[in-house]
Amino acid sequence: MDITKKLTFDLMDITKKLTFDFTTEAIYNWSGVKLLAYKEQLFLPNSEKDILDLIINTENLKLRMIGSGLSYESLNKLDESSEHNHILLSLENYHGFISETEDTITFRAGSTLNDLFTHLSK
C-alpha cells in the first residue's frame, strides 16, 4: 500500500475515535473522570439557523465551544456558580461539504479530517 494512502486511512481511523459520548447524562473530559457539563447544557445544532436561534433567544448566555475532547479541560468546563446560562456548543452535527471551486473546498465548521479525506478520496 502506498504510504500516503496508509497515512490517510490511519488518520481517518483516529479521527473517528476522538469524540465525546453524548448519549450519557453528563459530559466528561477525555479520561472520563472530570465532569464538564450535564447533558441539558449541551447544544448540538444541525444548521446555522439553530446556532443563531440559540444566540439570539437565550438571555445571559455564556457559550463555550467543545471539540473532540482533547482540549485542556478548563476550556470546556462550565462555571456553575454564576447567573449565566452556560452552554457547551458542539458542532459535531454541523459538518460536511458545502462547495468546491478550482482551488478551494469549503466545509461546515464542525467538519472532521475524516469528512475532508472522504471527499478528497472520491
PDB file of N, CA and C in Angstrom:
ATOM      1  N   MET A   1       0.837  -1.185   0.000  1.00  0.00           N
ATOM      2  CA  MET A   1       0.000   0.000   0.000  1.00  0.00           C
ATOM      3  C   MET A   1       0.879   1.244   0.000  1.00  0.00           C
ATOM      4  N   ASP A   2       0.520   2.203  -0.781  1.00  0.00           N
ATOM      5  CA  ASP A   2       1.203   3.483  -0.873  1.00  0.00           C
ATOM      6  C   ASP A   2       1.159   4.177   0.497  1.00  0.00           C
ATOM      7  N   ILE A   3       2.309   4.780   0.916  1.00  0.00           N
ATOM      8  CA  ILE A   3       2.413   5.379   2.249  1.00  0.00           C
ATOM      9  C   ILE A   3       1.384   6.495   2.456  1.00  0.00           C
ATOM     10  N   THR A   4       1.078   7.260   1.403  1.00  0.00           N
ATOM     11  CA  THR A   4       0.090   8.336   1.519  1.00  0.00           C
ATOM     12  C   THR A   4      -1.283   7.778   1.847  1.00  0.00           C
ATOM     13  N   LYS A   5      -1.667   6.696   1.155  1.00  0.00           N
ATOM     14  CA  LYS A   5      -2.969   6.091   1.438  1.00  0.00           C
ATOM     15  C   LYS A   5      -3.007   5.522   2.844  1.00  0.00           C
ATOM     16  N   LYS A   6      -1.908   4.868   3.267  1.00  0.00           N
ATOM     17  CA  LYS A   6      -1.875   4.292   4.611  1.00  0.00           C
ATOM     18  C   LYS A   6      -2.008   5.390   5.656  1.00  0.00           C
ATOM     19  N   LEU A   7      -1.267   6.482   5.500  1.00  0.00           N
ATOM     20  CA  LEU A   7      -1.344   7.584   6.447  1.00  0.00           C
ATOM     21  C   LEU A   7      -2.762   8.155   6.485  1.00  0.00           C
ATOM     22  N   THR A   8      -3.358   8.341   5.328  1.00  0.00           N
ATOM     23  CA  THR A   8      -4.714   8.879   5.251  1.00  0.00           C
ATOM     24  C   THR A   8      -5.698   7.982   5.974  1.00  0.00           C
ATOM     25  N   PHE A   9      -5.647   6.688   5.749  1.00  0.00           N
ATOM     26  CA  PHE A   9      -6.591   5.793   6.411  1.00  0.00           C
ATOM     27  C   PHE A   9      -6.317   5.677   7.899  1.00  0.00           C
ATOM     28  N   ASP A  10      -5.045   5.731   8.319  1.00  0.00           N
ATOM     29  CA  ASP A  10      -4.731   5.732   9.745  1.00  0.00           C
ATOM     30  C   ASP A  10      -5.320   6.965  10.416  1.00  0.00           C
ATOM     31  N   LEU A  11      -5.194   8.136   9.782  1.00  0.00           N
ATOM     32  CA  LEU A  11      -5.761   9.363  10.340  1.00  0.00           C
ATOM     33  C   LEU A  11      -7.278   9.291  10.386  1.00  0.00           C
ATOM     34  N   MET A  12      -7.898   8.686   9.372  1.00  0.00           N
ATOM     35  CA  MET A  12      -9.356   8.542   9.364  1.00  0.00           C
ATOM     36  C   MET A  12      -9.808   7.706  10.551  1.00  0.00           C
ATOM     37  N   ASP A  13      -9.084   6.617  10.840  1.00  0.00           N
ATOM     38  CA  ASP A  13      -9.433   5.769  11.975  1.00  0.00           C
ATOM     39  C   ASP A  13      -9.312   6.537  13.288  1.00  0.00           C
ATOM     40  N   ILE A  14      -8.259   7.342  13.415  1.00  0.00           N
ATOM     41  CA  ILE A  14      -8.045   8.112  14.641  1.00  0.00           C
ATOM     42  C   ILE A  14      -9.149   9.132  14.829  1.00  0.00           C
ATOM     43  N   THR A  15      -9.490   9.885  13.780  1.00  0.00           N
ATOM     44  CA  THR A  15     -10.485  10.952  13.929  1.00  0.00           C
ATOM     45  C   THR A  15     -11.866  10.394  14.246  1.00  0.00           C
ATOM     46  N   LYS A  16     -12.158   9.172  13.862  1.00  0.00           N
ATOM     47  CA  LYS A  16     -13.459   8.587  14.197  1.00  0.00           C
ATOM     48  C   LYS A  16     -13.574   8.329  15.692  1.00  0.00           C
ATOM     49  N   LYS A  17     -12.457   8.101  16.385  1.00  0.00           N
ATOM     50  CA  LYS A  17     -12.472   7.751  17.800  1.00  0.00           C
ATOM     51  C   LYS A  17     -12.480   8.974  18.715  1.00  0.00           C
ATOM     52  N   LEU A  18     -12.105  10.157  18.205  1.00  0.00           N
ATOM     53  CA  LEU A  18     -11.975  11.337  19.037  1.00  0.00           C
ATOM     54  C   LEU A  18     -13.285  12.102  19.110  1.00  0.00           C
ATOM     55  N   THR A  19     -14.135  11.716  20.023  1.00  0.00           N
ATOM     56  CA  THR A  19     -15.401  12.410  20.211  1.00  0.00           C
ATOM     57  C   THR A  19     -15.954  12.098  21.584  1.00  0.00           C
ATOM     58  N   PHE A  20     -16.833  12.971  22.077  1.00  0.00           N
ATOM     59  CA  PHE A  20     -17.492  12.735  23.359  1.00  0.00           C
ATOM     60  C   PHE A  20     -18.636  11.755  23.167  1.00  0.00           C
ATOM     61  N   ASP A  21     -18.997  11.090  24.245  1.00  0.00           N
ATOM     62  CA  ASP A  21     -20.178  10.226  24.236  1.00  0.00           C
ATOM     63  C   ASP A  21     -21.357  11.076  24.693  1.00  0.00           C
ATOM     64  N   PHE A  22     -22.161  11.545  23.744  1.00  0.00           N
ATOM     65  CA  PHE A  22     -23.278  12.423  24.060  1.00  0.00           C
ATOM     66  C   PHE A  22     -24.534  11.657  24.466  1.00  0.00           C
ATOM     67  N   THR A  23     -24.456  10.348  24.591  1.00  0.00           N
ATOM     68  CA  THR A  23     -25.624   9.552  24.987  1.00  0.00           C
ATOM     69  C   THR A  23     -25.742   9.433  26.504  1.00  0.00           C
ATOM     70  N   THR A  24     -24.726   9.850  27.232  1.00  0.00           N
ATOM     71  CA  THR A  24     -24.747   9.762  28.687  1.00  0.00           C
ATOM     72  C   THR A  24     -25.407  10.995  29.299  1.00  0.00           C
ATOM     73  N   GLU A  25     -25.692  10.965  30.603  1.00  0.00           N
ATOM     74  CA  GLU A  25     -26.346  12.085  31.293  1.00  0.00           C
ATOM     75  C   GLU A  25     -25.410  13.256  31.532  1.00  0.00           C
ATOM     76  N   ALA A  26     -24.118  13.015  31.451  1.00  0.00           N
ATOM     77  CA  ALA A  26     -23.138  14.075  31.686  1.00  0.00           C
ATOM     78  C   ALA A  26     -21.981  13.916  30.697  1.00  0.00           C
ATOM     79  N   ILE A  27     -21.274  15.021  30.491  1.00  0.00           N
ATOM     80  CA  ILE A  27     -20.122  15.027  29.580  1.00  0.00           C
ATOM     81  C   ILE A  27     -18.871  15.136  30.435  1.00  0.00           C
ATOM     82  N   TYR A  28     -17.950  14.221  30.234  1.00  0.00           N
ATOM     83  CA  TYR A  28     -16.709  14.182  30.998  1.00  0.00           C
ATOM     84  C   TYR A  28     -15.517  14.497  30.112  1.00  0.00           C
ATOM     85  N   ASN A  29     -14.381  14.803  30.739  1.00  0.00           N
ATOM     86  CA  ASN A  29     -13.167  15.084  29.983  1.00  0.00           C
ATOM     87  C   ASN A  29     -12.690  13.815  29.265  1.00  0.00           C
ATOM     88  N   TRP A  30     -11.590  13.926  28.551  1.00  0.00           N
ATOM     89  CA  TRP A  30     -11.081  12.822  27.730  1.00  0.00           C
ATOM     90  C   TRP A  30     -10.834  11.546  28.532  1.00  0.00           C
ATOM     91  N   SER A  31     -10.496  11.688  29.809  1.00  0.00           N
ATOM     92  CA  SER A  31     -10.200  10.495  30.618  1.00  0.00           C
ATOM     93  C   SER A  31     -11.460   9.883  31.217  1.00  0.00           C
ATOM     94  N   GLY A  32     -12.575  10.630  31.141  1.00  0.00           N
ATOM     95  CA  GLY A  32     -13.820  10.137  31.705  1.00  0.00           C
ATOM     96  C   GLY A  32     -13.937  10.352  33.202  1.00  0.00           C
ATOM     97  N   VAL A  33     -13.040  11.163  33.780  1.00  0.00           N
ATOM     98  CA  VAL A  33     -13.004  11.354  35.218  1.00  0.00           C
ATOM     99  C   VAL A  33     -13.634  12.676  35.653  1.00  0.00           C
ATOM    100  N   LYS A  34     -13.311  13.764  34.976  1.00  0.00           N
ATOM    101  CA  LYS A  34     -13.784  15.086  35.414  1.00  0.00           C
ATOM    102  C   LYS A  34     -15.028  15.513  34.655  1.00  0.00           C
ATOM    103  N   LEU A  35     -16.045  15.903  35.426  1.00  0.00           N
ATOM    104  CA  LEU A  35     -17.306  16.375  34.863  1.00  0.00           C
ATOM    105  C   LEU A  35     -17.091  17.733  34.201  1.00  0.00           C
ATOM    106  N   LEU A  36     -17.557  17.872  32.954  1.00  0.00           N
ATOM    107  CA  LEU A  36     -17.505  19.150  32.243  1.00  0.00           C
ATOM    108  C   LEU A  36     -18.866  19.837  32.237  1.00  0.00           C
ATOM    109  N   ALA A  37     -19.920  19.074  32.002  1.00  0.00           N
ATOM    110  CA  ALA A  37     -21.272  19.642  31.934  1.00  0.00           C
ATOM    111  C   ALA A  37     -22.287  18.513  31.983  1.00  0.00           C
ATOM    112  N   TYR A  38     -23.550  18.905  32.205  1.00  0.00           N
ATOM    113  CA  TYR A  38     -24.643  17.943  32.139  1.00  0.00           C
ATOM    114  C   TYR A  38     -25.255  17.969  30.747  1.00  0.00           C
ATOM    115  N   LYS A  39     -25.895  16.903  30.372  1.00  0.00           N
ATOM    116  CA  LYS A  39     -26.439  16.749  29.024  1.00  0.00           C
ATOM    117  C   LYS A  39     -27.341  17.920  28.615  1.00  0.00           C
ATOM    118  N   GLU A  40     -28.120  18.444  29.552  1.00  0.00           N
ATOM    119  CA  GLU A  40     -29.032  19.552  29.205  1.00  0.00           C
ATOM    120  C   GLU A  40     -28.280  20.856  28.924  1.00  0.00           C
ATOM    121  N   GLN A  41     -26.985  20.907  29.237  1.00  0.00           N
ATOM    122  CA  GLN A  41     -26.168  22.084  28.952  1.00  0.00           C
ATOM    123  C   GLN A  41     -25.443  21.966  27.614  1.00  0.00           C
ATOM    124  N   LEU A  42     -25.684  20.908  26.905  1.00  0.00           N
ATOM    125  CA  LEU A  42     -25.019  20.650  25.632  1.00  0.00           C
ATOM    126  C   LEU A  42     -25.960  20.981  24.483  1.00  0.00           C
ATOM    127  N   PHE A  43     -25.447  21.678  23.487  1.00  0.00           N
ATOM    128  CA  PHE A  43     -26.247  22.033  22.315  1.00  0.00           C
ATOM    129  C   PHE A  43     -25.527  21.529  21.073  1.00  0.00           C
ATOM    130  N   LEU A  44     -26.227  20.704  20.280  1.00  0.00           N
ATOM    131  CA  LEU A  44     -25.680  20.133  19.047  1.00  0.00           C
ATOM    132  C   LEU A  44     -26.530  20.604  17.860  1.00  0.00           C
ATOM    133  N   PRO A  45     -26.217  21.774  17.304  1.00  0.00           N
ATOM    134  CA  PRO A  45     -27.021  22.305  16.206  1.00  0.00           C
ATOM    135  C   PRO A  45     -26.820  21.517  14.919  1.00  0.00           C
ATOM    136  N   ASN A  46     -27.852  21.531  14.084  1.00  0.00           N
ATOM    137  CA  ASN A  46     -27.771  20.893  12.768  1.00  0.00           C
ATOM    138  C   ASN A  46     -27.659  21.913  11.648  1.00  0.00           C
ATOM    139  N   SER A  47     -27.840  23.190  11.992  1.00  0.00           N
ATOM    140  CA  SER A  47     -27.823  24.230  10.948  1.00  0.00           C
ATOM    141  C   SER A  47     -27.332  25.546  11.528  1.00  0.00           C
ATOM    142  N   GLU A  48     -27.003  26.469  10.630  1.00  0.00           N
ATOM    143  CA  GLU A  48     -26.611  27.812  11.049  1.00  0.00           C
ATOM    144  C   GLU A  48     -27.780  28.497  11.762  1.00  0.00           C
ATOM    145  N   LYS A  49     -29.002  28.246  11.314  1.00  0.00           N
ATOM    146  CA  LYS A  49     -30.198  28.815  11.938  1.00  0.00           C
ATOM    147  C   LYS A  49     -30.311  28.368  13.397  1.00  0.00           C
ATOM    148  N   ASP A  50     -30.029  27.101  13.677  1.00  0.00           N
ATOM    149  CA  ASP A  50     -30.065  26.603  15.061  1.00  0.00           C
ATOM    150  C   ASP A  50     -29.107  27.395  15.950  1.00  0.00           C
ATOM    151  N   ILE A  51     -27.918  27.679  15.431  1.00  0.00           N
ATOM    152  CA  ILE A  51     -26.907  28.416  16.196  1.00  0.00           C
ATOM    153  C   ILE A  51     -27.373  29.849  16.440  1.00  0.00           C
ATOM    154  N   LEU A  52     -27.871  30.497  15.402  1.00  0.00           N
ATOM    155  CA  LEU A  52     -28.367  31.871  15.543  1.00  0.00           C
ATOM    156  C   LEU A  52     -29.534  31.952  16.510  1.00  0.00           C
ATOM    157  N   ASP A  53     -30.455  31.007  16.430  1.00  0.00           N
ATOM    158  CA  ASP A  53     -31.603  30.984  17.351  1.00  0.00           C
ATOM    159  C   ASP A  53     -31.138  30.892  18.795  1.00  0.00           C
ATOM    160  N   LEU A  54     -30.165  30.057  19.070  1.00  0.00           N
ATOM    161  CA  LEU A  54     -29.637  29.922  20.437  1.00  0.00           C
ATOM    162  C   LEU A  54     -29.064  31.246  20.916  1.00  0.00           C
ATOM    163  N   ILE A  55     -28.240  31.882  20.096  1.00  0.00           N
ATOM    164  CA  ILE A  55     -27.575  33.124  20.493  1.00  0.00           C
ATOM    165  C   ILE A  55     -28.588  34.258  20.676  1.00  0.00           C
ATOM    166  N   ILE A  56     -29.520  34.370  19.770  1.00  0.00           N
ATOM    167  CA  ILE A  56     -30.497  35.465  19.811  1.00  0.00           C
ATOM    168  C   ILE A  56     -31.518  35.286  20.926  1.00  0.00           C
ATOM    169  N   ASN A  57     -31.940  34.055  21.197  1.00  0.00           N
ATOM    170  CA  ASN A  57     -33.062  33.806  22.108  1.00  0.00           C
ATOM    171  C   ASN A  57     -32.695  33.381  23.520  1.00  0.00           C
ATOM    172  N   THR A  58     -31.415  33.395  23.872  1.00  0.00           N
ATOM    173  CA  THR A  58     -31.018  32.969  25.218  1.00  0.00           C
ATOM    174  C   THR A  58     -30.422  34.145  25.973  1.00  0.00           C
ATOM    175  N   GLU A  59     -31.068  34.530  27.076  1.00  0.00           N
ATOM    176  CA  GLU A  59     -30.564  35.630  27.898  1.00  0.00           C
ATOM    177  C   GLU A  59     -29.380  35.172  28.734  1.00  0.00           C
ATOM    178  N   ASN A  60     -28.464  36.102  28.994  1.00  0.00           N
ATOM    179  CA  ASN A  60     -27.279  35.837  29.822  1.00  0.00           C
ATOM    180  C   ASN A  60     -26.520  34.600  29.362  1.00  0.00           C
ATOM    181  N   LEU A  61     -26.359  34.465  28.077  1.00  0.00           N
ATOM    182  CA  LEU A  61     -25.720  33.276  27.512  1.00  0.00           C
ATOM    183  C   LEU A  61     -24.209  33.325  27.683  1.00  0.00           C
ATOM    184  N   LYS A  62     -23.668  32.257  28.209  1.00  0.00           N
ATOM    185  CA  LYS A  62     -22.225  32.059  28.242  1.00  0.00           C
ATOM    186  C   LYS A  62     -21.981  30.775  27.451  1.00  0.00           C
ATOM    187  N   LEU A  63     -21.360  30.927  26.311  1.00  0.00           N
ATOM    188  CA  LEU A  63     -21.220  29.838  25.347  1.00  0.00           C
ATOM    189  C   LEU A  63     -19.768  29.404  25.253  1.00  0.00           C
ATOM    190  N   ARG A  64     -19.542  28.117  25.295  1.00  0.00           N
ATOM    191  CA  ARG A  64     -18.197  27.563  25.084  1.00  0.00           C
ATOM    192  C   ARG A  64     -18.275  26.513  23.996  1.00  0.00           C
ATOM    193  N   MET A  65     -17.306  26.548  23.117  1.00  0.00           N
ATOM    194  CA  MET A  65     -17.209  25.543  22.058  1.00  0.00           C
ATOM    195  C   MET A  65     -16.548  24.305  22.644  1.00  0.00           C
ATOM    196  N   ILE A  66     -16.989  23.163  22.182  1.00  0.00           N
ATOM    197  CA  ILE A  66     -16.374  21.908  22.602  1.00  0.00           C
ATOM    198  C   ILE A  66     -16.026  21.119  21.346  1.00  0.00           C
ATOM    199  N   GLY A  67     -14.824  20.614  21.319  1.00  0.00           N
ATOM    200  CA  GLY A  67     -14.374  19.872  20.149  1.00  0.00           C
ATOM    201  C   GLY A  67     -14.499  18.377  20.355  1.00  0.00           C
ATOM    202  N   SER A  68     -13.429  17.690  20.025  1.00  0.00           N
ATOM    203  CA  SER A  68     -13.464  16.233  20.074  1.00  0.00           C
ATOM    204  C   SER A  68     -13.072  15.676  21.433  1.00  0.00           C
ATOM    205  N   GLY A  69     -12.720  16.541  22.367  1.00  0.00           N
ATOM    206  CA  GLY A  69     -12.430  16.057  23.704  1.00  0.00           C
ATOM    207  C   GLY A  69     -10.975  16.107  24.102  1.00  0.00           C
ATOM    208  N   LEU A  70     -10.112  16.617  23.251  1.00  0.00           N
ATOM    209  CA  LEU A  70      -8.691  16.645  23.589  1.00  0.00           C
ATOM    210  C   LEU A  70      -8.216  17.998  24.091  1.00  0.00           C
ATOM    211  N   SER A  71      -9.104  18.990  24.132  1.00  0.00           N
ATOM    212  CA  SER A  71      -8.719  20.316  24.623  1.00  0.00           C
ATOM    213  C   SER A  71      -8.460  20.263  26.128  1.00  0.00           C
ATOM    214  N   TYR A  72      -7.659  21.193  26.588  1.00  0.00           N
ATOM    215  CA  TYR A  72      -7.427  21.335  28.020  1.00  0.00           C
ATOM    216  C   TYR A  72      -8.783  21.503  28.691  1.00  0.00           C
ATOM    217  N   GLU A  73      -9.084  20.687  29.669  1.00  0.00           N
ATOM    218  CA  GLU A  73     -10.445  20.609  30.205  1.00  0.00           C
ATOM    219  C   GLU A  73     -10.958  21.918  30.792  1.00  0.00           C
ATOM    220  N   SER A  74     -10.111  22.810  31.250  1.00  0.00           N
ATOM    221  CA  SER A  74     -10.583  24.091  31.775  1.00  0.00           C
ATOM    222  C   SER A  74     -11.219  24.940  30.687  1.00  0.00           C
ATOM    223  N   LEU A  75     -10.888  24.694  29.439  1.00  0.00           N
ATOM    224  CA  LEU A  75     -11.513  25.414  28.331  1.00  0.00           C
ATOM    225  C   LEU A  75     -12.958  24.985  28.142  1.00  0.00           C
ATOM    226  N   ASN A  76     -13.279  23.759  28.510  1.00  0.00           N
ATOM    227  CA  ASN A  76     -14.615  23.210  28.284  1.00  0.00           C
ATOM    228  C   ASN A  76     -15.504  23.181  29.527  1.00  0.00           C
ATOM    229  N   LYS A  77     -14.915  23.240  30.702  1.00  0.00           N
ATOM    230  CA  LYS A  77     -15.711  23.124  31.933  1.00  0.00           C
ATOM    231  C   LYS A  77     -16.575  24.368  32.119  1.00  0.00           C
ATOM    232  N   LEU A  78     -17.834  24.144  32.468  1.00  0.00           N
ATOM    233  CA  LEU A  78     -18.763  25.248  32.686  1.00  0.00           C
ATOM    234  C   LEU A  78     -18.711  25.714  34.137  1.00  0.00           C
ATOM    235  N   ASP A  79     -18.827  27.022  34.315  1.00  0.00           N
ATOM    236  CA  ASP A  79     -18.848  27.625  35.641  1.00  0.00           C
ATOM    237  C   ASP A  79     -20.266  27.545  36.188  1.00  0.00           C
ATOM    238  N   GLU A  80     -20.487  26.747  37.195  1.00  0.00           N
ATOM    239  CA  GLU A  80     -21.831  26.539  37.742  1.00  0.00           C
ATOM    240  C   GLU A  80     -22.233  27.607  38.760  1.00  0.00           C
ATOM    241  N   SER A  81     -21.323  28.505  39.116  1.00  0.00           N
ATOM    242  CA  SER A  81     -21.599  29.438  40.202  1.00  0.00           C
ATOM    243  C   SER A  81     -22.126  30.797  39.747  1.00  0.00           C
ATOM    244  N   SER A  82     -22.333  31.018  38.473  1.00  0.00           N
ATOM    245  CA  SER A  82     -22.753  32.348  38.027  1.00  0.00           C
ATOM    246  C   SER A  82     -24.211  32.363  37.594  1.00  0.00           C
ATOM    247  N   GLU A  83     -24.671  33.543  37.222  1.00  0.00           N
ATOM    248  CA  GLU A  83     -26.056  33.757  36.810  1.00  0.00           C
ATOM    249  C   GLU A  83     -26.283  33.469  35.327  1.00  0.00           C
ATOM    250  N   HIS A  84     -25.275  33.089  34.629  1.00  0.00           N
ATOM    251  CA  HIS A  84     -25.370  32.891  33.179  1.00  0.00           C
ATOM    252  C   HIS A  84     -25.978  31.539  32.816  1.00  0.00           C
ATOM    253  N   ASN A  85     -26.575  31.476  31.634  1.00  0.00           N
ATOM    254  CA  ASN A  85     -26.987  30.200  31.051  1.00  0.00           C
ATOM    255  C   ASN A  85     -25.759  29.637  30.337  1.00  0.00           C
ATOM    256  N   HIS A  86     -25.166  28.631  30.912  1.00  0.00           N
ATOM    257  CA  HIS A  86     -23.948  28.060  30.357  1.00  0.00           C
ATOM    258  C   HIS A  86     -24.284  26.939  29.383  1.00  0.00           C
ATOM    259  N   ILE A  87     -23.732  27.037  28.196  1.00  0.00           N
ATOM    260  CA  ILE A  87     -23.984  26.046  27.154  1.00  0.00           C
ATOM    261  C   ILE A  87     -22.662  25.626  26.531  1.00  0.00           C
ATOM    262  N   LEU A  88     -22.485  24.323  26.375  1.00  0.00           N
ATOM    263  CA  LEU A  88     -21.380  23.799  25.574  1.00  0.00           C
ATOM    264  C   LEU A  88     -21.923  23.583  24.170  1.00  0.00           C
ATOM    265  N   LEU A  89     -21.292  24.180  23.187  1.00  0.00           N
ATOM    266  CA  LEU A  89     -21.731  24.074  21.804  1.00  0.00           C
ATOM    267  C   LEU A  89     -20.809  23.119  21.060  1.00  0.00           C
ATOM    268  N   SER A  90     -21.361  22.019  20.608  1.00  0.00           N
ATOM    269  CA  SER A  90     -20.618  21.056  19.798  1.00  0.00           C
ATOM    270  C   SER A  90     -21.119  21.153  18.359  1.00  0.00           C
ATOM    271  N   LEU A  91     -20.210  21.270  17.430  1.00  0.00           N
ATOM    272  CA  LEU A  91     -20.583  21.340  16.017  1.00  0.00           C
ATOM    273  C   LEU A  91     -20.499  19.966  15.351  1.00  0.00           C
ATOM    274  N   GLU A  92     -20.541  18.915  16.167  1.00  0.00           N
ATOM    275  CA  GLU A  92     -20.440  17.544  15.654  1.00  0.00           C
ATOM    276  C   GLU A  92     -21.508  17.239  14.600  1.00  0.00           C
ATOM    277  N   ASN A  93     -22.711  17.784  14.762  1.00  0.00           N
ATOM    278  CA  ASN A  93     -23.783  17.543  13.781  1.00  0.00           C
ATOM    279  C   ASN A  93     -23.807  18.574  12.656  1.00  0.00           C
ATOM    280  N   TYR A  94     -22.981  19.602  12.763  1.00  0.00           N
ATOM    281  CA  TYR A  94     -22.946  20.672  11.765  1.00  0.00           C
ATOM    282  C   TYR A  94     -21.650  20.528  10.969  1.00  0.00           C
ATOM    283  N   HIS A  95     -21.632  19.527  10.118  1.00  0.00           N
ATOM    284  CA  HIS A  95     -20.403  19.221   9.388  1.00  0.00           C
ATOM    285  C   HIS A  95     -20.730  18.864   7.948  1.00  0.00           C
ATOM    286  N   GLY A  96     -19.689  18.752   7.163  1.00  0.00           N
ATOM    287  CA  GLY A  96     -19.856  18.283   5.792  1.00  0.00           C
ATOM    288  C   GLY A  96     -19.484  19.307   4.741  1.00  0.00           C
ATOM    289  N   PHE A  97     -19.462  18.828   3.536  1.00  0.00           N
ATOM    290  CA  PHE A  97     -19.075  19.594   2.355  1.00  0.00           C
ATOM    291  C   PHE A  97     -20.110  20.662   2.023  1.00  0.00           C
ATOM    292  N   ILE A  98     -19.634  21.857   1.650  1.00  0.00           N
ATOM    293  CA  ILE A  98     -20.515  22.939   1.200  1.00  0.00           C
ATOM    294  C   ILE A  98     -20.324  23.195  -0.288  1.00  0.00           C
ATOM    295  N   SER A  99     -19.081  23.501  -0.677  1.00  0.00           N
ATOM    296  CA  SER A  99     -18.847  23.846  -2.081  1.00  0.00           C
ATOM    297  C   SER A  99     -17.388  23.628  -2.462  1.00  0.00           C
ATOM    298  N   GLU A 100     -17.156  23.697  -3.752  1.00  0.00           N
ATOM    299  CA  GLU A 100     -15.804  23.485  -4.272  1.00  0.00           C
ATOM    300  C   GLU A 100     -15.603  24.355  -5.507  1.00  0.00           C
ATOM    301  N   THR A 101     -14.429  24.968  -5.586  1.00  0.00           N
ATOM    302  CA  THR A 101     -14.026  25.681  -6.797  1.00  0.00           C
ATOM    303  C   THR A 101     -12.754  25.016  -7.293  1.00  0.00           C
ATOM    304  N   GLU A 102     -12.135  25.633  -8.271  1.00  0.00           N
ATOM    305  CA  GLU A 102     -10.904  25.047  -8.817  1.00  0.00           C
ATOM    306  C   GLU A 102      -9.783  24.982  -7.786  1.00  0.00           C
ATOM    307  N   ASP A 103      -9.720  25.982  -6.889  1.00  0.00           N
ATOM    308  CA  ASP A 103      -8.633  25.964  -5.908  1.00  0.00           C
ATOM    309  C   ASP A 103      -9.050  25.941  -4.440  1.00  0.00           C
ATOM    310  N   THR A 104     -10.332  25.842  -4.132  1.00  0.00           N
ATOM    311  CA  THR A 104     -10.749  25.761  -2.731  1.00  0.00           C
ATOM    312  C   THR A 104     -11.883  24.751  -2.541  1.00  0.00           C
ATOM    313  N   ILE A 105     -11.949  24.243  -1.314  1.00  0.00           N
ATOM    314  CA  ILE A 105     -13.064  23.389  -0.900  1.00  0.00           C
ATOM    315  C   ILE A 105     -13.566  23.977   0.415  1.00  0.00           C
ATOM    316  N   THR A 106     -14.869  24.135   0.551  1.00  0.00           N
ATOM    317  CA  THR A 106     -15.443  24.714   1.754  1.00  0.00           C
ATOM    318  C   THR A 106     -16.284  23.662   2.471  1.00  0.00           C
ATOM    319  N   PHE A 107     -16.027  23.535   3.778  1.00  0.00           N
ATOM    320  CA  PHE A 107     -16.762  22.617   4.647  1.00  0.00           C
ATOM    321  C   PHE A 107     -17.374  23.399   5.795  1.00  0.00           C
ATOM    322  N   ARG A 108     -18.410  22.863   6.419  1.00  0.00           N
ATOM    323  CA  ARG A 108     -19.010  23.476   7.606  1.00  0.00           C
ATOM    324  C   ARG A 108     -18.017  23.410   8.770  1.00  0.00           C
ATOM    325  N   ALA A 109     -18.223  24.265   9.753  1.00  0.00           N
ATOM    326  CA  ALA A 109     -17.273  24.426  10.861  1.00  0.00           C
ATOM    327  C   ALA A 109     -17.022  23.151  11.663  1.00  0.00           C
ATOM    328  N   GLY A 110     -17.987  22.263  11.758  1.00  0.00           N
ATOM    329  CA  GLY A 110     -17.825  21.045  12.550  1.00  0.00           C
ATOM    330  C   GLY A 110     -17.231  19.874  11.788  1.00  0.00           C
ATOM    331  N   SER A 111     -16.775  20.109  10.577  1.00  0.00           N
ATOM    332  CA  SER A 111     -16.231  19.020   9.752  1.00  0.00           C
ATOM    333  C   SER A 111     -14.949  18.461  10.351  1.00  0.00           C
ATOM    334  N   THR A 112     -14.781  17.181  10.180  1.00  0.00           N
ATOM    335  CA  THR A 112     -13.593  16.492  10.691  1.00  0.00           C
ATOM    336  C   THR A 112     -12.620  16.210   9.554  1.00  0.00           C
ATOM    337  N   LEU A 113     -11.439  15.782   9.913  1.00  0.00           N
ATOM    338  CA  LEU A 113     -10.486  15.352   8.885  1.00  0.00           C
ATOM    339  C   LEU A 113     -11.063  14.189   8.090  1.00  0.00           C
ATOM    340  N   ASN A 114     -11.848  13.353   8.743  1.00  0.00           N
ATOM    341  CA  ASN A 114     -12.492  12.238   8.061  1.00  0.00           C
ATOM    342  C   ASN A 114     -13.423  12.741   6.954  1.00  0.00           C
ATOM    343  N   ASP A 115     -14.189  13.812   7.226  1.00  0.00           N
ATOM    344  CA  ASP A 115     -15.050  14.411   6.197  1.00  0.00           C
ATOM    345  C   ASP A 115     -14.217  14.860   5.000  1.00  0.00           C
ATOM    346  N   LEU A 116     -13.122  15.528   5.290  1.00  0.00           N
ATOM    347  CA  LEU A 116     -12.233  16.027   4.236  1.00  0.00           C
ATOM    348  C   LEU A 116     -11.621  14.874   3.441  1.00  0.00           C
ATOM    349  N   PHE A 117     -11.080  13.885   4.136  1.00  0.00           N
ATOM    350  CA  PHE A 117     -10.453  12.755   3.466  1.00  0.00           C
ATOM    351  C   PHE A 117     -11.459  11.986   2.602  1.00  0.00           C
ATOM    352  N   THR A 118     -12.661  11.800   3.122  1.00  0.00           N
ATOM    353  CA  THR A 118     -13.700  11.099   2.373  1.00  0.00           C
ATOM    354  C   THR A 118     -14.018  11.841   1.085  1.00  0.00           C
ATOM    355  N   HIS A 119     -14.146  13.154   1.174  1.00  0.00           N
ATOM    356  CA  HIS A 119     -14.456  13.958  -0.012  1.00  0.00           C
ATOM    357  C   HIS A 119     -13.309  13.921  -1.018  1.00  0.00           C
ATOM    358  N   LEU A 120     -12.085  14.065  -0.526  1.00  0.00           N
ATOM    359  CA  LEU A 120     -10.918  14.105  -1.415  1.00  0.00           C
ATOM    360  C   LEU A 120     -10.639  12.750  -2.077  1.00  0.00           C
ATOM    361  N   SER A 121     -11.054  11.668  -1.423  1.00  0.00           N
ATOM    362  CA  SER A 121     -10.776  10.339  -1.985  1.00  0.00           C
ATOM    363  C   SER A 121     -11.735   9.943  -3.098  1.00  0.00           C
ATOM    364  N   LYS A 122     -12.769  10.745  -3.343  1.00  0.00           N
ATOM    365  CA  LYS A 122     -13.744  10.426  -4.397  1.00  0.00           C
ATOM    366  C   LYS A 122     -13.170  10.735  -5.765  1.00  0.00           C
TER     367      LYS A 122
END
